[in-house]
N, C-alpha and C. Protein backbone atom coordinates (compact mmCIF):
# COMPACT_ATOMS: atom_id res chain seq x y z
N MET A 1 -64.67 128.11 20.03
CA MET A 1 -65.78 128.88 18.79
C MET A 1 -67.41 127.67 19.11
N ASP A 2 -68.18 128.52 18.63
CA ASP A 2 -69.88 127.56 18.55
C ASP A 2 -69.81 127.08 17.17
N PRO A 3 -70.72 125.89 17.15
CA PRO A 3 -70.28 125.08 15.85
C PRO A 3 -70.49 125.54 14.60
N ILE A 4 -70.42 125.18 13.64
CA ILE A 4 -70.35 126.40 12.17
C ILE A 4 -71.70 126.01 12.10
N PRO A 5 -72.54 126.38 11.44
CA PRO A 5 -73.71 126.13 10.80
C PRO A 5 -73.69 125.41 9.60
N VAL A 6 -74.38 124.30 9.97
CA VAL A 6 -74.41 123.09 8.35
C VAL A 6 -74.39 124.29 6.93
N ALA A 7 -73.81 124.25 6.07
CA ALA A 7 -73.83 124.78 4.83
C ALA A 7 -73.50 124.10 3.50
N SER A 8 -74.21 124.24 2.51
CA SER A 8 -73.71 123.38 1.24
C SER A 8 -72.29 123.93 1.14
N ASP A 9 -71.43 123.04 0.15
CA ASP A 9 -70.44 123.15 -0.53
C ASP A 9 -70.46 124.70 -1.44
N ALA A 10 -71.71 124.83 -1.62
CA ALA A 10 -71.35 126.32 -2.70
C ALA A 10 -71.65 127.14 -1.95
N GLU A 11 -72.38 127.10 -0.96
CA GLU A 11 -72.64 128.20 0.53
C GLU A 11 -71.19 128.45 0.92
N ILE A 12 -70.53 127.35 1.13
CA ILE A 12 -69.03 127.34 1.62
C ILE A 12 -68.31 128.00 0.90
N ILE A 13 -68.19 127.60 -0.37
CA ILE A 13 -67.18 128.52 -1.51
C ILE A 13 -67.85 130.20 -1.93
N ALA A 14 -69.03 130.21 -1.93
CA ALA A 14 -69.52 131.21 -1.90
C ALA A 14 -68.65 132.67 -0.63
N ALA A 15 -69.06 131.92 0.45
CA ALA A 15 -68.49 132.87 1.54
C ALA A 15 -67.02 132.66 1.07
N THR A 16 -66.49 131.68 0.93
CA THR A 16 -64.73 132.18 1.14
C THR A 16 -64.46 132.96 0.09
N ARG A 17 -64.92 133.03 -1.04
CA ARG A 17 -64.74 133.65 -2.32
C ARG A 17 -65.11 135.14 -1.82
N LYS A 18 -66.30 135.44 -1.24
CA LYS A 18 -66.50 136.73 -0.98
C LYS A 18 -65.28 137.61 0.19
N TRP A 19 -65.15 136.33 1.34
CA TRP A 19 -64.10 137.21 1.79
C TRP A 19 -62.90 137.38 1.21
N LEU A 20 -62.45 136.61 0.39
CA LEU A 20 -61.20 136.76 -0.23
C LEU A 20 -61.02 138.09 -1.29
N GLU A 21 -62.66 138.06 -1.71
CA GLU A 21 -62.96 139.27 -2.64
C GLU A 21 -62.63 140.77 -1.80
N ARG A 22 -63.43 140.68 -0.89
CA ARG A 22 -63.98 141.98 0.07
C ARG A 22 -63.14 142.47 1.31
N ALA A 23 -62.01 141.06 1.52
CA ALA A 23 -61.28 141.54 2.56
C ALA A 23 -59.47 141.22 2.20
N VAL A 24 -59.69 139.86 1.89
CA VAL A 24 -58.20 140.01 1.04
C VAL A 24 -57.41 140.61 0.16
N ILE A 25 -58.59 140.68 -0.81
CA ILE A 25 -57.72 141.88 -2.19
C ILE A 25 -58.76 143.02 -1.88
N GLY A 26 -59.85 143.21 -1.36
CA GLY A 26 -60.48 144.46 -1.22
C GLY A 26 -59.71 145.39 -0.46
N LEU A 27 -58.75 145.15 1.06
CA LEU A 27 -57.76 145.37 1.84
C LEU A 27 -56.78 145.40 1.10
N ASN A 28 -56.73 144.92 0.23
CA ASN A 28 -55.08 144.28 -0.60
C ASN A 28 -54.36 143.86 1.18
N LEU A 29 -54.50 143.38 1.36
CA LEU A 29 -54.17 141.91 2.67
C LEU A 29 -52.81 141.36 2.07
N CYS A 30 -53.33 140.68 1.06
CA CYS A 30 -52.25 140.23 0.52
C CYS A 30 -52.50 140.72 -1.26
N PRO A 31 -51.00 141.22 -1.57
CA PRO A 31 -51.16 142.08 -2.94
C PRO A 31 -51.07 140.80 -4.14
N PHE A 32 -50.65 139.87 -3.76
CA PHE A 32 -50.56 138.66 -5.03
C PHE A 32 -51.62 137.94 -5.22
N ALA A 33 -52.61 138.33 -3.87
CA ALA A 33 -54.01 137.21 -3.97
C ALA A 33 -54.86 138.18 -5.38
N LYS A 34 -54.85 138.97 -5.66
CA LYS A 34 -55.94 139.53 -7.10
C LYS A 34 -54.98 138.77 -8.03
N GLY A 35 -54.06 139.10 -8.70
CA GLY A 35 -53.82 138.08 -9.84
C GLY A 35 -54.53 137.06 -10.22
N VAL A 36 -54.14 136.30 -8.92
CA VAL A 36 -54.27 134.42 -9.47
C VAL A 36 -55.99 134.44 -9.14
N HIS A 37 -56.63 134.95 -8.62
CA HIS A 37 -58.07 135.18 -8.51
C HIS A 37 -58.82 135.74 -9.62
N VAL A 38 -58.41 136.94 -10.20
CA VAL A 38 -58.76 137.39 -11.58
C VAL A 38 -58.34 136.85 -12.69
N LYS A 39 -57.10 135.64 -12.55
CA LYS A 39 -57.22 134.72 -13.62
C LYS A 39 -57.83 133.86 -13.49
N GLU A 40 -58.34 133.21 -12.36
CA GLU A 40 -59.06 132.19 -11.87
C GLU A 40 -58.51 130.72 -11.96
N LEU A 41 -57.48 131.12 -11.25
CA LEU A 41 -56.35 130.15 -10.74
C LEU A 41 -56.36 129.72 -9.28
N VAL A 42 -57.66 130.13 -8.58
CA VAL A 42 -57.79 129.38 -7.45
C VAL A 42 -58.61 128.59 -7.42
N ARG A 43 -58.43 127.47 -6.72
CA ARG A 43 -59.19 126.00 -6.60
C ARG A 43 -59.78 126.18 -4.96
N TYR A 44 -61.34 126.21 -5.49
CA TYR A 44 -61.83 125.76 -4.23
C TYR A 44 -62.20 124.30 -3.62
N VAL A 45 -61.74 123.79 -2.68
CA VAL A 45 -62.03 122.52 -1.80
C VAL A 45 -63.22 122.54 -1.10
N VAL A 46 -64.19 122.06 -0.63
CA VAL A 46 -64.81 121.82 0.60
C VAL A 46 -64.59 120.56 1.29
N SER A 47 -63.81 120.28 2.04
CA SER A 47 -63.24 118.76 2.42
C SER A 47 -64.50 118.33 3.66
N PRO A 48 -64.95 117.07 3.13
CA PRO A 48 -65.86 116.87 4.26
C PRO A 48 -65.49 116.40 5.43
N ALA A 49 -64.25 116.12 5.54
CA ALA A 49 -63.63 115.37 6.59
C ALA A 49 -64.01 115.92 8.08
N GLN A 50 -64.18 114.94 8.74
CA GLN A 50 -64.56 115.24 10.30
C GLN A 50 -63.57 114.72 11.37
N THR A 51 -62.39 114.27 10.75
CA THR A 51 -61.43 113.75 11.72
C THR A 51 -60.20 114.19 11.20
N THR A 52 -59.04 114.18 11.68
CA THR A 52 -57.70 114.73 11.82
C THR A 52 -56.98 113.66 10.54
N ASP A 53 -57.81 112.58 10.73
CA ASP A 53 -56.82 111.60 9.65
C ASP A 53 -57.68 111.56 8.26
N GLU A 54 -58.81 112.13 8.63
CA GLU A 54 -59.38 112.33 6.74
C GLU A 54 -59.13 113.63 6.40
N LEU A 55 -58.77 114.52 7.34
CA LEU A 55 -58.24 115.81 6.79
C LEU A 55 -56.77 115.53 6.55
N LEU A 56 -56.28 114.91 6.50
CA LEU A 56 -54.73 114.79 6.37
C LEU A 56 -54.71 114.03 4.67
N ASP A 57 -55.77 112.94 4.54
CA ASP A 57 -55.76 112.74 3.52
C ASP A 57 -55.89 113.25 2.34
N ALA A 58 -57.49 114.46 2.69
CA ALA A 58 -57.63 115.19 1.80
C ALA A 58 -56.43 116.45 1.70
N LEU A 59 -55.65 117.12 2.49
CA LEU A 59 -54.52 117.89 2.04
C LEU A 59 -53.03 116.76 1.96
N GLU A 60 -53.04 115.70 1.53
CA GLU A 60 -52.54 114.88 0.86
C GLU A 60 -52.71 114.91 -0.94
N SER A 61 -54.29 114.24 -0.79
CA SER A 61 -54.80 114.47 -2.39
C SER A 61 -54.61 115.60 -2.90
N GLU A 62 -54.51 117.33 -1.69
CA GLU A 62 -54.80 118.15 -2.82
C GLU A 62 -53.45 118.78 -3.02
N LEU A 63 -52.55 118.48 -2.37
CA LEU A 63 -50.99 118.44 -2.36
C LEU A 63 -50.44 118.19 -3.60
N LYS A 64 -50.46 116.61 -3.70
CA LYS A 64 -50.49 115.53 -5.14
C LYS A 64 -51.20 116.31 -6.26
N PHE A 65 -52.35 116.96 -6.30
CA PHE A 65 -53.10 117.55 -7.54
C PHE A 65 -52.14 118.85 -7.67
N LEU A 66 -51.94 119.94 -6.91
CA LEU A 66 -51.20 120.81 -7.04
C LEU A 66 -49.90 120.72 -7.80
N VAL A 67 -49.14 119.68 -7.02
CA VAL A 67 -48.01 119.48 -7.77
C VAL A 67 -48.08 118.98 -9.38
N ASP A 68 -49.14 118.35 -9.44
CA ASP A 68 -49.77 117.55 -10.82
C ASP A 68 -49.85 118.52 -11.70
N VAL A 69 -50.53 119.57 -11.25
CA VAL A 69 -51.32 120.26 -12.07
C VAL A 69 -50.57 121.87 -12.54
N ALA A 70 -50.20 121.90 -13.74
CA ALA A 70 -49.42 123.29 -14.53
C ALA A 70 -50.27 124.44 -13.86
N PRO A 71 -49.49 125.61 -13.24
CA PRO A 71 -49.88 126.55 -12.67
C PRO A 71 -50.51 127.64 -13.09
N ASP A 72 -50.21 127.59 -14.64
CA ASP A 72 -51.31 128.21 -15.43
C ASP A 72 -52.48 127.56 -15.36
N GLU A 73 -53.47 126.50 -14.62
CA GLU A 73 -54.44 125.95 -14.63
C GLU A 73 -54.89 126.28 -13.22
N VAL A 74 -54.09 125.71 -12.48
CA VAL A 74 -54.28 126.31 -10.84
C VAL A 74 -53.00 126.38 -9.65
N ASP A 75 -53.19 127.60 -9.55
CA ASP A 75 -51.89 128.34 -9.11
C ASP A 75 -52.03 128.30 -7.23
N MET A 76 -53.09 127.79 -6.95
CA MET A 76 -53.34 127.94 -5.37
C MET A 76 -54.61 127.03 -5.23
N THR A 77 -54.66 126.52 -3.60
CA THR A 77 -55.81 125.98 -3.24
C THR A 77 -56.15 126.45 -2.20
N LEU A 78 -57.36 126.47 -1.81
CA LEU A 78 -58.09 127.07 -0.55
C LEU A 78 -58.97 125.73 -0.05
N ILE A 79 -58.23 125.28 0.84
CA ILE A 79 -59.06 123.72 1.46
C ILE A 79 -60.09 124.25 2.57
N MET A 80 -61.24 124.54 2.24
CA MET A 80 -62.06 124.56 3.67
C MET A 80 -62.53 123.60 4.56
N THR A 81 -62.59 123.47 5.65
CA THR A 81 -63.05 122.25 6.70
C THR A 81 -63.89 122.77 7.28
N PRO A 82 -65.24 122.85 7.09
CA PRO A 82 -66.31 123.22 8.00
C PRO A 82 -66.74 122.30 9.13
N ALA A 83 -66.62 121.04 8.93
CA ALA A 83 -66.66 119.84 9.78
C ALA A 83 -65.67 119.59 10.76
N ALA A 84 -64.44 119.88 10.72
CA ALA A 84 -62.92 119.55 10.74
C ALA A 84 -62.54 120.52 11.60
N LEU A 85 -61.56 120.63 12.68
CA LEU A 85 -60.55 121.19 13.07
C LEU A 85 -61.66 122.73 13.26
N THR A 86 -62.94 123.11 14.12
CA THR A 86 -63.38 124.11 14.44
C THR A 86 -62.73 124.81 15.42
N ASP A 87 -61.99 124.08 16.62
CA ASP A 87 -61.80 124.61 17.85
C ASP A 87 -60.14 125.25 17.03
N PHE A 88 -59.63 126.44 17.32
CA PHE A 88 -58.59 126.97 17.04
C PHE A 88 -57.23 126.22 17.53
N ASP A 89 -57.48 125.91 18.74
CA ASP A 89 -56.02 125.00 19.63
C ASP A 89 -55.88 123.69 18.77
N ASP A 90 -57.06 122.92 18.18
CA ASP A 90 -57.05 121.79 17.37
C ASP A 90 -56.32 122.18 15.93
N PHE A 91 -56.62 123.35 15.57
CA PHE A 91 -56.23 123.79 13.70
C PHE A 91 -54.86 124.09 14.58
N THR A 92 -54.39 124.74 15.15
CA THR A 92 -52.92 124.79 15.39
C THR A 92 -52.09 123.42 15.61
N ASP A 93 -52.71 122.66 16.28
CA ASP A 93 -52.26 121.35 16.78
C ASP A 93 -51.89 120.60 15.54
N PHE A 94 -53.22 120.78 14.40
CA PHE A 94 -52.82 120.39 13.09
C PHE A 94 -51.88 120.69 12.00
N LEU A 95 -51.65 121.88 12.38
CA LEU A 95 -50.39 122.59 11.42
C LEU A 95 -49.03 122.25 11.36
N ASP A 96 -49.10 121.91 12.49
CA ASP A 96 -47.95 120.90 13.05
C ASP A 96 -47.67 119.29 12.31
N LEU A 97 -48.64 118.87 12.13
CA LEU A 97 -48.95 117.70 11.10
C LEU A 97 -48.34 118.41 9.55
N VAL A 98 -49.46 119.26 9.49
CA VAL A 98 -49.09 119.89 7.92
C VAL A 98 -47.61 119.60 7.64
N GLU A 99 -46.69 120.14 8.45
CA GLU A 99 -45.54 120.65 8.48
C GLU A 99 -44.77 119.11 7.54
N VAL A 100 -44.79 118.35 8.61
CA VAL A 100 -44.34 116.69 8.76
C VAL A 100 -45.22 116.32 7.38
N VAL A 101 -46.26 116.17 6.69
CA VAL A 101 -47.11 115.86 5.67
C VAL A 101 -46.19 116.56 4.54
N LEU A 102 -45.71 118.08 4.37
CA LEU A 102 -44.91 118.36 3.73
C LEU A 102 -43.49 117.94 3.59
N ARG A 103 -42.76 117.73 4.82
CA ARG A 103 -41.43 117.02 4.84
C ARG A 103 -41.47 115.73 4.15
N SER A 104 -42.67 114.85 4.66
CA SER A 104 -42.05 113.43 4.53
C SER A 104 -43.12 113.25 2.81
N HIS A 105 -43.36 114.34 1.68
CA HIS A 105 -43.60 114.19 0.37
C HIS A 105 -42.82 114.95 -0.08
N GLY A 106 -41.47 115.33 0.63
CA GLY A 106 -40.40 115.98 -0.03
C GLY A 106 -41.05 116.95 -0.38
N LEU A 107 -41.71 118.11 -0.18
CA LEU A 107 -42.48 119.39 -0.75
C LEU A 107 -42.02 120.53 -0.18
N VAL A 108 -41.10 120.32 0.58
CA VAL A 108 -40.40 121.90 1.12
C VAL A 108 -39.96 122.46 0.39
N GLY A 109 -40.33 123.41 0.17
CA GLY A 109 -39.34 124.60 -0.68
C GLY A 109 -40.21 124.30 -2.18
N ILE A 110 -41.34 123.24 -2.23
CA ILE A 110 -41.62 123.46 -3.34
C ILE A 110 -43.39 124.13 -2.99
N LEU A 111 -44.27 123.27 -1.87
CA LEU A 111 -45.21 124.01 -1.70
C LEU A 111 -44.94 124.50 0.21
N GLN A 112 -46.22 125.52 0.50
CA GLN A 112 -46.29 125.79 1.19
C GLN A 112 -47.65 125.87 2.01
N VAL A 113 -48.12 125.85 2.94
CA VAL A 113 -49.30 126.19 3.70
C VAL A 113 -49.56 127.01 4.57
N ALA A 114 -50.63 128.05 4.35
CA ALA A 114 -50.81 129.12 5.14
C ALA A 114 -52.12 128.60 5.92
N SER A 115 -52.43 129.32 6.77
CA SER A 115 -53.73 128.99 7.71
C SER A 115 -54.57 130.14 8.13
N PHE A 116 -55.79 129.93 8.01
CA PHE A 116 -57.14 130.81 8.15
C PHE A 116 -58.13 130.07 8.96
N HIS A 117 -58.35 130.51 10.01
CA HIS A 117 -59.60 130.11 10.93
C HIS A 117 -60.80 131.07 11.81
N PRO A 118 -61.87 131.07 11.69
CA PRO A 118 -62.59 131.91 12.09
C PRO A 118 -62.24 132.60 13.47
N ASP A 119 -61.64 131.87 14.64
CA ASP A 119 -60.66 132.53 15.67
C ASP A 119 -59.61 132.37 15.70
N TYR A 120 -58.54 132.60 14.51
CA TYR A 120 -57.35 132.90 14.38
C TYR A 120 -56.98 134.03 15.57
N VAL A 121 -56.28 133.57 15.99
CA VAL A 121 -55.41 134.30 17.40
C VAL A 121 -53.72 134.31 17.07
N PHE A 122 -53.32 135.88 16.58
CA PHE A 122 -51.52 135.86 16.47
C PHE A 122 -51.19 135.25 18.26
N ALA A 123 -49.91 134.53 18.09
CA ALA A 123 -49.34 134.23 19.43
C ALA A 123 -49.33 135.21 20.10
N ASP A 124 -48.66 136.41 19.71
CA ASP A 124 -48.44 137.28 20.77
C ASP A 124 -49.46 138.57 20.58
N ALA A 125 -50.69 138.19 20.51
CA ALA A 125 -52.11 138.82 20.45
C ALA A 125 -53.05 138.69 21.47
N GLU A 126 -53.78 139.72 21.97
CA GLU A 126 -55.29 138.98 22.57
C GLU A 126 -56.38 138.63 21.47
N ALA A 127 -57.43 138.12 22.11
CA ALA A 127 -57.76 137.40 21.35
C ALA A 127 -58.99 138.69 20.48
N ASP A 128 -59.11 139.38 21.17
CA ASP A 128 -60.27 140.87 21.07
C ASP A 128 -59.27 141.94 20.22
N ASP A 129 -57.82 141.23 19.59
CA ASP A 129 -57.23 142.04 18.83
C ASP A 129 -57.23 142.03 17.09
N ILE A 130 -57.92 143.58 16.75
CA ILE A 130 -58.68 143.52 15.19
C ILE A 130 -57.81 142.98 14.78
N ALA A 131 -56.55 143.12 14.92
CA ALA A 131 -55.42 142.75 13.73
C ALA A 131 -55.16 140.69 13.71
N ASN A 132 -56.34 140.26 14.25
CA ASN A 132 -56.13 139.02 14.11
C ASN A 132 -57.39 138.28 12.88
N HIS A 133 -57.95 139.76 12.59
CA HIS A 133 -58.80 139.45 11.18
C HIS A 133 -58.05 139.40 10.49
N THR A 134 -56.67 139.22 10.01
CA THR A 134 -55.99 139.41 8.58
C THR A 134 -56.18 137.87 8.60
N ASN A 135 -55.93 137.05 9.16
CA ASN A 135 -56.01 135.82 9.19
C ASN A 135 -57.08 134.84 9.68
N ARG A 136 -58.32 135.89 9.78
CA ARG A 136 -59.68 135.07 10.02
C ARG A 136 -60.48 135.01 8.75
N ALA A 137 -61.02 134.03 8.32
CA ALA A 137 -61.76 133.68 7.35
C ALA A 137 -63.15 133.10 7.89
N PRO A 138 -64.32 132.70 7.24
CA PRO A 138 -65.36 132.32 7.43
C PRO A 138 -65.18 130.84 8.06
N TYR A 139 -64.09 129.91 7.31
CA TYR A 139 -64.21 128.65 7.71
C TYR A 139 -62.49 128.19 8.21
N PRO A 140 -62.42 127.64 8.85
CA PRO A 140 -60.94 126.93 9.20
C PRO A 140 -60.37 126.60 7.26
N THR A 141 -59.36 126.99 7.03
CA THR A 141 -59.27 126.90 5.79
C THR A 141 -57.21 126.80 5.61
N LEU A 142 -57.20 126.04 4.83
CA LEU A 142 -55.91 125.75 4.58
C LEU A 142 -55.71 126.31 3.49
N HIS A 143 -54.45 126.99 2.90
CA HIS A 143 -54.46 127.60 1.47
C HIS A 143 -52.93 126.95 1.01
N LEU A 144 -52.95 126.10 0.58
CA LEU A 144 -51.97 125.71 -0.27
C LEU A 144 -51.17 126.36 -1.48
N ILE A 145 -50.09 126.81 -1.80
CA ILE A 145 -49.26 127.72 -2.17
C ILE A 145 -48.10 127.08 -2.66
N ARG A 146 -48.01 127.43 -4.30
CA ARG A 146 -46.45 127.12 -4.85
C ARG A 146 -45.48 127.68 -3.96
N GLU A 147 -44.44 127.38 -3.40
CA GLU A 147 -43.37 128.22 -3.64
C GLU A 147 -43.13 129.00 -4.40
N ALA A 148 -42.85 128.46 -5.92
CA ALA A 148 -42.09 129.60 -6.76
C ALA A 148 -42.76 130.58 -7.10
N SER A 149 -44.37 130.59 -7.13
CA SER A 149 -44.98 131.55 -7.38
C SER A 149 -45.08 132.74 -6.31
N LEU A 150 -44.96 132.04 -4.91
CA LEU A 150 -44.41 133.11 -4.12
C LEU A 150 -43.64 133.89 -4.10
N VAL A 151 -42.05 133.23 -4.67
CA VAL A 151 -41.16 133.92 -4.98
C VAL A 151 -41.22 135.06 -5.97
N ARG A 152 -41.77 134.63 -6.64
CA ARG A 152 -41.80 135.62 -8.22
C ARG A 152 -42.99 136.87 -7.62
N ALA A 153 -44.12 136.32 -6.94
CA ALA A 153 -44.93 137.71 -6.05
C ALA A 153 -44.48 138.32 -5.44
N THR A 154 -43.42 137.76 -4.19
CA THR A 154 -42.35 138.73 -3.73
C THR A 154 -41.51 139.40 -4.15
N ALA A 155 -40.76 138.97 -5.56
CA ALA A 155 -39.87 139.75 -6.22
C ALA A 155 -40.61 140.68 -6.65
N ALA A 156 -42.04 140.80 -6.81
CA ALA A 156 -42.70 141.91 -7.51
C ALA A 156 -42.91 143.05 -6.46
N PHE A 157 -42.64 142.86 -5.13
CA PHE A 157 -43.09 143.86 -4.50
C PHE A 157 -41.88 143.81 -3.15
N PRO A 158 -41.64 145.07 -3.45
CA PRO A 158 -39.85 145.34 -2.51
C PRO A 158 -39.93 145.51 -1.06
N ASP A 159 -41.00 145.69 -0.93
CA ASP A 159 -41.79 145.47 0.82
C ASP A 159 -42.23 144.62 1.11
N ALA A 160 -42.32 143.50 0.65
CA ALA A 160 -43.00 142.10 1.03
C ALA A 160 -43.04 141.84 2.39
N SER A 161 -41.64 142.18 3.19
CA SER A 161 -41.59 141.79 4.41
C SER A 161 -42.53 142.74 5.14
N GLU A 162 -43.10 143.51 4.88
CA GLU A 162 -43.92 144.52 5.50
C GLU A 162 -45.04 144.64 5.79
N ILE A 163 -45.54 143.53 4.67
CA ILE A 163 -46.97 143.40 4.42
C ILE A 163 -47.76 143.19 6.08
N TYR A 164 -47.04 142.43 6.69
CA TYR A 164 -47.75 141.76 7.64
C TYR A 164 -47.83 143.24 8.76
N LEU A 165 -46.76 143.99 9.19
CA LEU A 165 -47.44 145.41 9.52
C LEU A 165 -48.24 146.42 9.00
N ARG A 166 -47.93 146.17 7.45
CA ARG A 166 -49.23 147.45 6.87
C ARG A 166 -50.85 146.64 7.05
N ASN A 167 -50.48 144.96 7.48
CA ASN A 167 -51.79 144.60 7.62
C ASN A 167 -52.33 145.15 9.27
N ILE A 168 -51.66 145.22 9.91
CA ILE A 168 -52.04 145.37 11.20
C ILE A 168 -52.38 146.99 11.18
N GLU A 169 -52.09 147.90 10.61
CA GLU A 169 -52.21 149.25 10.68
C GLU A 169 -53.52 149.53 10.13
N THR A 170 -53.82 148.53 8.81
CA THR A 170 -54.98 148.39 7.89
C THR A 170 -56.25 148.39 8.48
N MET A 171 -55.95 147.35 9.78
CA MET A 171 -57.20 146.52 10.43
C MET A 171 -57.46 147.34 11.51
N ARG A 172 -56.37 147.91 12.15
CA ARG A 172 -56.63 149.09 13.69
C ARG A 172 -57.11 150.28 12.68
N ALA A 173 -57.00 150.53 11.38
CA ALA A 173 -57.91 151.89 10.62
C ALA A 173 -58.86 151.71 10.68
N LEU A 174 -59.58 150.23 10.19
CA LEU A 174 -60.27 149.72 9.64
C LEU A 174 -61.42 149.42 10.89
N GLY A 175 -61.16 148.69 12.13
CA GLY A 175 -61.94 148.94 13.12
C GLY A 175 -62.45 147.70 13.20
N LEU A 176 -63.28 147.65 14.03
CA LEU A 176 -64.33 146.49 14.25
C LEU A 176 -65.89 146.99 13.52
N GLU A 177 -66.48 147.64 13.30
CA GLU A 177 -67.30 148.37 12.70
C GLU A 177 -67.11 148.62 11.24
N GLY A 178 -65.91 148.75 10.63
CA GLY A 178 -65.43 148.49 9.54
C GLY A 178 -65.59 147.20 8.77
N TRP A 179 -65.07 146.29 10.11
CA TRP A 179 -64.86 144.82 8.72
C TRP A 179 -66.05 144.38 9.58
N GLN A 180 -66.77 144.85 10.42
CA GLN A 180 -68.26 144.51 10.00
C GLN A 180 -69.23 144.50 9.13
N ALA A 181 -68.76 145.77 8.30
CA ALA A 181 -69.17 146.45 7.29
C ALA A 181 -68.85 145.72 5.80
N LEU A 182 -67.89 145.23 6.11
CA LEU A 182 -67.66 144.04 4.81
C LEU A 182 -68.41 142.77 4.53
N ASP A 183 -69.13 142.31 5.76
CA ASP A 183 -69.53 141.35 6.14
C ASP A 183 -69.07 139.72 5.64
N VAL A 184 -68.25 139.58 5.84
CA VAL A 184 -67.04 138.77 5.13
C VAL A 184 -67.02 137.33 6.17
N GLY A 185 -67.61 137.30 7.32
CA GLY A 185 -67.10 136.43 8.24
C GLY A 185 -66.83 136.80 9.93
N PRO A 186 -66.11 136.15 10.32
CA PRO A 186 -66.69 136.41 12.11
C PRO A 186 -65.83 137.69 12.52
N VAL A 187 -66.37 138.09 13.96
CA VAL A 187 -66.21 139.31 14.38
C VAL A 187 -65.05 139.02 15.68
N ALA A 188 -64.15 139.59 15.70
CA ALA A 188 -63.42 139.72 17.13
C ALA A 188 -64.46 139.68 17.91
N PRO A 189 -64.55 138.77 19.28
CA PRO A 189 -65.24 139.29 20.53
C PRO A 189 -65.03 140.61 21.22
N PRO A 190 -66.00 141.01 21.81
CA PRO A 190 -66.11 142.21 22.31
C PRO A 190 -64.34 142.37 23.73
N LYS A 191 -64.15 143.46 23.72
CA LYS A 191 -63.31 143.63 24.60
C LYS A 191 -64.16 143.74 26.16
N ALA A 192 -63.65 142.95 27.14
CA ALA A 192 -63.83 142.59 28.40
C ALA A 192 -64.07 143.96 29.00
């Protein structure tokens, strides 16, 4: 991935919010996102971290914050990392450390961390597969989610296990031009 252009925290949050509204909510990629967004229960954090250690510190701080704050004040956190983990392989390696942090702090079953990246590629997909865009965000992003909220949300959607497949269908129907028209961030590389 090319270096991400320098942007202010406000610009990074605005780009992420736009992606959330137009892609995640607008395309219904995550049917659980609209409620927390409308109720303003999403915390947006831009991490100045430039190293893995700095980002781990930021992650631990935000995990603690989310555990300590009431869900009716903040239900989830999006941590954008514009200066760290811009390489997708480094980002996926970091996710292994995220799991270690969750375990070491006794947060498994309490919090989960989902991941989004401008160059996101599913393990079984080609880099130019439009379906990858379901997990592509303007900046490398860690999504901290309360497990209890996720359980409640999935209980309200009897077909929650089918969301992934529906999202692939949505992206393939939308196509690259449709994604570009959303103007929300990264675009899949053209087919060779």
